[in-house]
Protein backbone atom coordinates (compact mmCIF):
# COMPACT_ATOMS: atom_id res chain seq x y z
CA MET A 1 6.04 6.31 -31.91
CA THR A 2 3.20 4.13 -32.14
CA GLU A 3 4.61 0.64 -32.27
CA VAL A 4 6.46 1.67 -28.89
CA THR A 5 3.13 2.54 -27.63
CA GLU A 6 1.53 -0.88 -28.68
CA ARG A 7 4.61 -2.59 -27.20
CA SER A 8 4.73 -0.82 -23.92
CA ALA A 9 0.85 -1.62 -23.19
CA ASP A 10 1.70 -5.46 -24.40
CA TYR A 11 4.39 -5.30 -21.95
CA ARG A 12 2.21 -3.83 -19.11
CA LEU A 13 -0.70 -6.68 -19.04
CA GLY A 14 2.02 -9.87 -19.23
CA PHE A 15 3.94 -7.56 -16.66
CA GLY A 16 0.35 -7.85 -14.43
CA GLU A 17 0.25 -11.43 -14.90
CA ALA A 18 4.11 -11.85 -14.08
CA LEU A 19 2.98 -9.76 -10.91
CA THR A 20 0.24 -12.14 -10.15
CA LEU A 21 2.51 -15.00 -10.07
CA VAL A 22 4.83 -13.18 -8.47
CA GLN A 23 2.80 -13.00 -5.40
CA ALA A 24 1.37 -16.08 -6.03
CA GLY A 25 4.53 -18.29 -5.14
CA ALA A 26 5.35 -15.89 -3.00
CA ASP A 27 2.36 -16.85 -0.77
CA LYS A 28 3.04 -20.90 -1.77
CA LEU A 29 6.52 -20.85 -0.75
CA ALA A 30 5.39 -18.61 3.36
CA ARG A 31 2.78 -21.00 3.34
CA ASP A 32 5.57 -23.82 2.98
CA GLU A 33 8.09 -22.48 4.68
CA ASN A 34 6.07 -21.05 7.70
CA ASP A 35 8.24 -18.26 6.02
CA TYR A 36 6.51 -14.85 6.61
CA GLY A 37 9.79 -12.65 6.62
CA THR A 38 9.91 -14.03 3.39
CA ARG A 39 6.31 -13.13 2.20
CA LEU A 40 6.75 -9.90 3.53
CA ARG A 41 10.17 -8.76 1.46
CA VAL A 42 8.14 -10.57 -2.03
CA GLN A 43 4.74 -8.27 -1.08
CA GLN A 44 7.18 -5.16 -0.74
CA ILE A 45 9.59 -5.99 -3.81
CA VAL A 46 5.91 -6.43 -5.52
CA MET A 47 4.12 -3.01 -4.62
CA GLU A 48 7.43 -1.19 -5.27
CA ILE A 49 7.51 -3.11 -9.19
CA THR A 50 3.68 -3.07 -9.10
CA TYR A 51 4.08 1.74 -8.51
CA ARG A 52 7.42 2.25 -10.20
CA MET A 53 5.86 0.75 -13.58
CA VAL A 54 2.43 0.84 -13.59
CA ILE A 55 0.92 3.80 -11.46
CA GLY A 56 4.37 5.57 -11.32
CA PRO A 57 3.69 5.98 -14.89
CA LYS A 58 -0.19 7.57 -14.64
CA VAL A 59 0.88 9.80 -12.46
CA GLY A 60 1.91 12.44 -14.60
CA LEU A 61 -1.74 12.56 -16.53
CA ARG A 62 -3.31 16.47 -16.19
CA VAL A 63 -6.91 16.38 -15.12
CA PRO A 64 -8.82 19.42 -16.18
CA ARG A 65 -8.94 21.90 -13.33
CA ASP A 66 -11.49 23.86 -11.45
CA ALA A 67 -11.95 27.41 -10.28
CA GLY A 68 -11.01 27.17 -6.56
CA ASP A 69 -9.10 24.55 -6.82
CA GLN A 70 -5.53 24.43 -4.29
CA PRO A 71 -2.43 24.62 -6.33
CA LEU A 72 -1.16 21.72 -8.08
CA PRO A 73 1.96 19.69 -5.47
CA THR A 74 5.13 20.58 -5.49
CA ALA A 75 7.73 17.88 -5.70
CA SER A 76 9.69 16.85 -2.97
CA THR A 77 12.23 14.78 -2.65
CA PHE A 78 10.72 12.58 0.47
CA ASP A 79 9.33 9.31 -0.64
CA THR A 80 5.90 9.40 -1.81
CA VAL A 81 3.02 8.88 0.65
CA HIS A 82 1.58 5.52 -0.99
CA GLU A 83 5.41 4.47 -0.43
CA GLN A 84 5.42 5.40 3.31
CA VAL A 85 1.98 3.75 3.95
CA CYS A 86 3.26 0.70 1.93
CA ALA A 87 6.08 0.45 3.82
CA ASP A 88 3.83 1.71 7.43
CA LEU A 89 1.72 -1.47 6.21
CA MET A 90 4.47 -3.89 5.86
CA GLN A 91 6.06 -2.64 9.59
CA ARG A 92 2.21 -3.67 11.11
CA GLN A 93 1.59 -6.82 8.95
CA ALA A 94 4.96 -7.41 10.62
CA LEU A 95 4.30 -6.77 14.64
CA GLY A 96 0.82 -8.53 13.65
CA ILE A 97 3.13 -11.73 13.13
CA SER A 98 4.87 -11.88 15.66
CA ARG A 99 2.94 -10.64 18.29
CA TYR A 100 -0.32 -13.26 16.81
CA GLY A 101 2.13 -15.76 15.43
CA GLN A 102 0.45 -14.82 11.50
CA PRO A 103 -0.68 -12.56 8.94
CA LEU A 104 -4.63 -10.77 9.49
CA GLN A 105 -6.28 -13.32 7.18
CA PRO A 106 -9.98 -13.25 6.15
CA HIS A 107 -12.47 -16.19 8.45
CA ASN A 108 -10.34 -15.64 11.33
CA GLY A 109 -12.98 -16.09 13.83
CA ARG A 110 -12.91 -12.04 15.04
CA ARG A 111 -15.36 -9.44 13.55
CA ALA A 112 -13.72 -7.21 11.22
CA LEU A 113 -15.98 -4.37 11.56
CA LEU A 114 -16.28 -4.15 14.69
CA ASP A 115 -12.60 -4.03 14.94
CA ALA A 116 -12.41 -1.49 12.82
CA TYR A 117 -15.02 0.67 14.53
CA GLN A 118 -12.60 -0.07 17.37
CA GLU A 119 -10.09 1.09 15.89
CA VAL A 120 -11.68 4.09 14.11
CA LEU A 121 -12.71 5.19 17.97
CA ASP A 122 -9.47 5.33 18.67
CA LEU A 123 -8.59 7.77 16.17
CA ALA A 124 -10.79 9.99 17.15
CA ALA A 125 -9.56 10.22 20.80
CA TYR A 126 -5.92 10.65 19.81
CA LEU A 127 -7.33 13.41 16.87
CA LYS A 128 -9.16 15.39 19.89
CA GLN A 129 -6.23 15.49 21.90
CA HIS A 130 -3.56 16.65 19.21
CA LEU A 131 -6.34 19.17 18.69
CA ILE A 132 -6.50 20.17 22.27
CA GLU A 133 -2.49 20.44 23.04
CA GLN A 134 -2.72 22.58 19.56
CA ASP A 135 -5.21 24.78 21.15
CA ALA A 136 -2.85 25.10 24.35
CA GLN A 137 0.02 26.29 22.54
């Protein structure tokens, strides 16, 4: 049993290195062929593999609970929230590429903090709109 655990740990380490290589290859492919669709698909695959092989097994770990904590979540048949967020991020990246011809990149001439602040202001307005509409019902 210990031998299997040790091999699993070694496998995860090698797996992480493999993920890095796959991502680097996808980035090179996208740059060489200007094929962002391929890059997006490879990124989706990398995130799915990472979740299923590295993050997923850790979900079963139990953490000591304090009095007054909410009950543990129950299982459902829906995709995990993280999977849905990853899918949303990929869709947003594809939208950005279709609008601007490239994905969001650092050192792009824009002030990222100002962009984020303005997005947070929009979020606050949408949240307030929802609260007002809920109160009216």
